[in-house]
């Protein structure tokens, strides 16, 4: 439910942008958006690479490459 007539990021429980779009290149913005997408997929899949890859529509080998590129470890997303 939105608090007003317009739906805002906080209504959707979205975090504020981490990047200042006035000082960030398009490449940097894409990299950050990609990293956030990968992290969200890993959180939803509890670190399961195959499910996370499927969720963002990439192959499993591509997902492994993205993890390395963004210095992410799947174990960080597994539930204890």
C-alpha atoms as a PDB file:
ATOM      1  CA  UNK A   1       0.000   0.000   0.000  1.00  0.00           C
ATOM      2  CA  UNK A   2       1.326   3.395  -0.951  1.00  0.00           C
ATOM      3  CA  UNK A   3       1.184   6.212   1.543  1.00  0.00           C
ATOM      4  CA  UNK A   4       0.159   8.751  -1.087  1.00  0.00           C
ATOM      5  CA  UNK A   5      -1.059   8.899  -4.646  1.00  0.00           C
ATOM      6  CA  UNK A   6       2.399   8.082  -6.003  1.00  0.00           C
ATOM      7  CA  UNK A   7       4.269   4.855  -5.278  1.00  0.00           C
ATOM      8  CA  UNK A   8       7.758   5.616  -3.995  1.00  0.00           C
ATOM      9  CA  UNK A   9      10.767   3.325  -3.502  1.00  0.00           C
ATOM     10  CA  UNK A  10      10.138   3.325   0.244  1.00  0.00           C
ATOM     11  CA  UNK A  11       6.564   2.095  -0.348  1.00  0.00           C
ATOM     12  CA  UNK A  12       8.097  -0.918  -2.081  1.00  0.00           C
ATOM     13  CA  UNK A  13      10.748  -1.255   0.633  1.00  0.00           C
ATOM     14  CA  UNK A  14      13.480  -0.505  -1.882  1.00  0.00           C
ATOM     15  CA  UNK A  15      16.759   0.912  -0.698  1.00  0.00           C
ATOM     16  CA  UNK A  16      17.836   4.356  -1.765  1.00  0.00           C
ATOM     17  CA  UNK A  17      20.208   4.384  -4.734  1.00  0.00           C
ATOM     18  CA  UNK A  18      23.806   3.729  -3.720  1.00  0.00           C
ATOM     19  CA  UNK A  19      25.178   5.778  -6.579  1.00  0.00           C
ATOM     20  CA  UNK A  20      24.942   9.487  -7.200  1.00  0.00           C
ATOM     21  CA  UNK A  21      23.729   9.470 -10.792  1.00  0.00           C
ATOM     22  CA  UNK A  22      25.175  12.937 -11.385  1.00  0.00           C
ATOM     23  CA  UNK A  23      28.743  11.675 -10.900  1.00  0.00           C
ATOM     24  CA  UNK A  24      28.518   8.080 -12.104  1.00  0.00           C
ATOM     25  CA  UNK A  25      29.154   6.823 -15.595  1.00  0.00           C
ATOM     26  CA  UNK A  26      26.635   4.624 -17.352  1.00  0.00           C
ATOM     27  CA  UNK A  27      29.080   1.727 -17.126  1.00  0.00           C
ATOM     28  CA  UNK A  28      29.381   2.110 -13.347  1.00  0.00           C
ATOM     29  CA  UNK A  29      25.608   2.317 -12.973  1.00  0.00           C
ATOM     30  CA  UNK A  30      25.166  -0.859 -15.037  1.00  0.00           C
ATOM     31  CA  UNK A  31      27.800  -2.673 -12.998  1.00  0.00           C
ATOM     32  CA  UNK A  32      26.095  -1.708  -9.731  1.00  0.00           C
ATOM     33  CA  UNK A  33      22.657  -2.704 -11.040  1.00  0.00           C
ATOM     34  CA  UNK A  34      24.051  -6.047 -12.180  1.00  0.00           C
ATOM     35  CA  UNK A  35      25.703  -6.647  -8.819  1.00  0.00           C
ATOM     36  CA  UNK A  36      22.479  -5.861  -6.966  1.00  0.00           C
ATOM     37  CA  UNK A  37      20.543  -8.220  -9.241  1.00  0.00           C
ATOM     38  CA  UNK A  38      23.013 -11.042  -8.643  1.00  0.00           C
ATOM     39  CA  UNK A  39      22.941 -10.500  -4.882  1.00  0.00           C
ATOM     40  CA  UNK A  40      19.134 -10.489  -4.829  1.00  0.00           C
ATOM     41  CA  UNK A  41      18.995 -13.729  -6.842  1.00  0.00           C
ATOM     42  CA  UNK A  42      21.508 -15.393  -4.518  1.00  0.00           C
ATOM     43  CA  UNK A  43      19.581 -14.272  -1.456  1.00  0.00           C
ATOM     44  CA  UNK A  44      16.304 -15.635  -2.851  1.00  0.00           C
ATOM     45  CA  UNK A  45      17.923 -18.933  -3.805  1.00  0.00           C
ATOM     46  CA  UNK A  46      19.891 -19.160  -0.543  1.00  0.00           C
ATOM     47  CA  UNK A  47      23.151 -19.426  -2.450  1.00  0.00           C
ATOM     48  CA  UNK A  48      21.983 -22.049  -4.949  1.00  0.00           C
ATOM     49  CA  UNK A  49      23.893 -21.139  -8.113  1.00  0.00           C
ATOM     50  CA  UNK A  50      21.612 -22.977 -10.536  1.00  0.00           C
ATOM     51  CA  UNK A  51      18.424 -21.389  -9.181  1.00  0.00           C
ATOM     52  CA  UNK A  52      19.998 -17.930  -8.988  1.00  0.00           C
ATOM     53  CA  UNK A  53      21.257 -18.223 -12.568  1.00  0.00           C
ATOM     54  CA  UNK A  54      17.841 -19.362 -13.746  1.00  0.00           C
ATOM     55  CA  UNK A  55      16.159 -16.463 -11.922  1.00  0.00           C
ATOM     56  CA  UNK A  56      18.233 -13.883 -13.786  1.00  0.00           C
ATOM     57  CA  UNK A  57      18.185 -15.886 -17.024  1.00  0.00           C
ATOM     58  CA  UNK A  58      21.876 -16.650 -17.399  1.00  0.00           C
ATOM     59  CA  UNK A  59      23.677 -19.956 -17.662  1.00  0.00           C
ATOM     60  CA  UNK A  60      25.333 -21.547 -14.664  1.00  0.00           C
ATOM     61  CA  UNK A  61      28.860 -20.958 -16.086  1.00  0.00           C
ATOM     62  CA  UNK A  62      27.945 -17.306 -16.713  1.00  0.00           C
ATOM     63  CA  UNK A  63      26.778 -17.006 -13.114  1.00  0.00           C
ATOM     64  CA  UNK A  64      30.105 -18.357 -11.890  1.00  0.00           C
ATOM     65  CA  UNK A  65      31.865 -15.748 -14.016  1.00  0.00           C
ATOM     66  CA  UNK A  66      29.659 -12.997 -12.596  1.00  0.00           C
ATOM     67  CA  UNK A  67      30.383 -14.149  -9.050  1.00  0.00           C
ATOM     68  CA  UNK A  68      34.109 -13.930  -9.731  1.00  0.00           C
ATOM     69  CA  UNK A  69      33.769 -10.567 -11.466  1.00  0.00           C
ATOM     70  CA  UNK A  70      31.856  -9.063  -8.537  1.00  0.00           C
ATOM     71  CA  UNK A  71      33.950 -10.881  -5.906  1.00  0.00           C
ATOM     72  CA  UNK A  72      30.918 -12.638  -4.427  1.00  0.00           C
ATOM     73  CA  UNK A  73      30.896 -15.995  -2.633  1.00  0.00           C
ATOM     74  CA  UNK A  74      27.803 -18.180  -2.743  1.00  0.00           C
ATOM     75  CA  UNK A  75      28.460 -19.392   0.797  1.00  0.00           C
ATOM     76  CA  UNK A  76      27.720 -15.864   2.024  1.00  0.00           C
ATOM     77  CA  UNK A  77      24.109 -16.378   0.929  1.00  0.00           C
ATOM     78  CA  UNK A  78      23.473 -19.833   2.373  1.00  0.00           C
ATOM     79  CA  UNK A  79      21.249 -20.086   5.420  1.00  0.00           C
ATOM     80  CA  UNK A  80      22.907 -21.548   8.483  1.00  0.00           C
END
